């Protein structure tokens, strides 16, 4: 798959509110990052989302992106983490 090596996993958790997906998607679009897959749910008022994104065309490095997303998370009362897909898979292997 062409995206391999450029894919990131972004996780979001916090109290549900209007505009979460829009705010995160805007940051990704401005960084030329494409959303490949998204899964979100609301469990008893708690918003959870996992995204797999392709950063191949982006000029922003992962640390800067992570900082921008974390700042947006702080603004919205969310915890947002960003990691390379291979790191995510390694940390969550059985």
Protein backbone atom coordinates (compact mmCIF):
# COMPACT_ATOMS: atom_id res chain seq x y z
CA UNK A 1 0.00 0.00 0.00
CA UNK A 2 1.43 3.39 -0.97
CA UNK A 3 0.51 5.12 2.29
CA UNK A 4 2.70 2.79 4.37
CA UNK A 5 5.39 4.71 6.21
CA UNK A 6 3.31 7.88 6.00
CA UNK A 7 0.27 6.79 7.96
CA UNK A 8 -0.50 8.20 11.37
CA UNK A 9 -3.03 7.16 13.99
CA UNK A 10 -4.85 9.98 15.74
CA UNK A 11 -6.97 9.26 18.81
CA UNK A 12 -9.40 11.65 20.45
CA UNK A 13 -11.30 11.31 23.71
CA UNK A 14 -13.33 13.74 25.77
CA UNK A 15 -16.75 15.14 26.50
CA UNK A 16 -18.94 15.26 23.41
CA UNK A 17 -19.58 18.66 21.89
CA UNK A 18 -20.40 20.17 18.52
CA UNK A 19 -17.51 20.72 16.11
CA UNK A 20 -14.93 18.16 17.25
CA UNK A 21 -14.57 16.39 13.90
CA UNK A 22 -14.71 19.69 12.01
CA UNK A 23 -11.92 21.24 14.11
CA UNK A 24 -9.61 18.26 13.72
CA UNK A 25 -10.39 17.85 10.02
CA UNK A 26 -9.57 21.53 9.42
CA UNK A 27 -6.09 21.13 10.97
CA UNK A 28 -5.48 18.03 8.86
CA UNK A 29 -6.69 19.69 5.65
CA UNK A 30 -4.48 22.74 6.24
CA UNK A 31 -1.51 20.36 6.65
CA UNK A 32 -2.38 18.45 3.41
CA UNK A 33 -3.15 15.30 5.36
CA UNK A 34 -5.78 12.92 3.99
CA UNK A 35 -8.16 10.98 6.24
CA UNK A 36 -8.09 7.32 5.17
CA UNK A 37 -10.35 5.86 7.86
CA UNK A 38 -12.32 7.23 10.76
CA UNK A 39 -14.25 5.55 13.54
CA UNK A 40 -16.07 7.56 16.16
CA UNK A 41 -18.62 6.85 18.81
CA UNK A 42 -20.23 8.50 21.78
CA UNK A 43 -20.53 6.41 24.92
CA UNK A 44 -22.63 8.00 27.67
CA UNK A 45 -21.58 11.49 26.62
CA UNK A 46 -17.91 10.61 26.09
CA UNK A 47 -16.67 11.17 22.54
CA UNK A 48 -14.07 8.73 21.21
CA UNK A 49 -12.51 8.75 17.76
CA UNK A 50 -9.68 6.98 16.00
CA UNK A 51 -8.43 8.17 12.62
CA UNK A 52 -5.89 6.69 10.24
CA UNK A 53 -4.45 9.42 8.05
CA UNK A 54 -1.97 9.68 5.18
CA UNK A 55 0.66 12.39 5.73
CA UNK A 56 2.63 11.63 2.55
CA UNK A 57 1.86 15.02 0.94
CA UNK A 58 2.28 17.02 4.14
CA UNK A 59 5.22 19.31 4.84
CA UNK A 60 4.54 19.38 8.60
CA UNK A 61 6.45 16.98 10.82
CA UNK A 62 4.67 14.69 13.25
CA UNK A 63 5.82 16.63 16.33
CA UNK A 64 4.40 19.90 14.98
CA UNK A 65 1.15 18.24 13.94
CA UNK A 66 0.88 16.56 17.32
CA UNK A 67 1.37 19.93 19.01
CA UNK A 68 -1.30 21.64 16.90
CA UNK A 69 -3.78 18.84 17.58
CA UNK A 70 -2.94 18.80 21.31
CA UNK A 71 -3.47 22.58 21.47
CA UNK A 72 -6.85 22.20 19.77
CA UNK A 73 -7.65 19.39 22.20
CA UNK A 74 -6.85 21.63 25.17
CA UNK A 75 -9.08 24.33 23.69
CA UNK A 76 -11.96 21.86 23.26
CA UNK A 77 -11.41 19.85 26.47
CA UNK A 78 -10.15 16.75 24.65
CA UNK A 79 -7.11 14.50 24.79
CA UNK A 80 -5.67 14.06 21.28
CA UNK A 81 -2.69 11.82 20.56
CA UNK A 82 -0.81 11.36 17.29
CA UNK A 83 1.60 8.53 16.47
CA UNK A 84 3.08 6.80 13.48
CA UNK A 85 1.00 3.76 12.57
CA UNK A 86 3.93 1.38 13.09
CA UNK A 87 4.50 2.69 16.63
CA UNK A 88 0.78 2.35 17.37
CA UNK A 89 0.74 -1.24 16.09
CA UNK A 90 3.88 -2.14 18.05
CA UNK A 91 2.44 -0.71 21.29
CA UNK A 92 -0.89 -2.54 20.82
CA UNK A 93 0.29 -5.94 19.65
CA UNK A 94 -0.78 -9.03 21.49
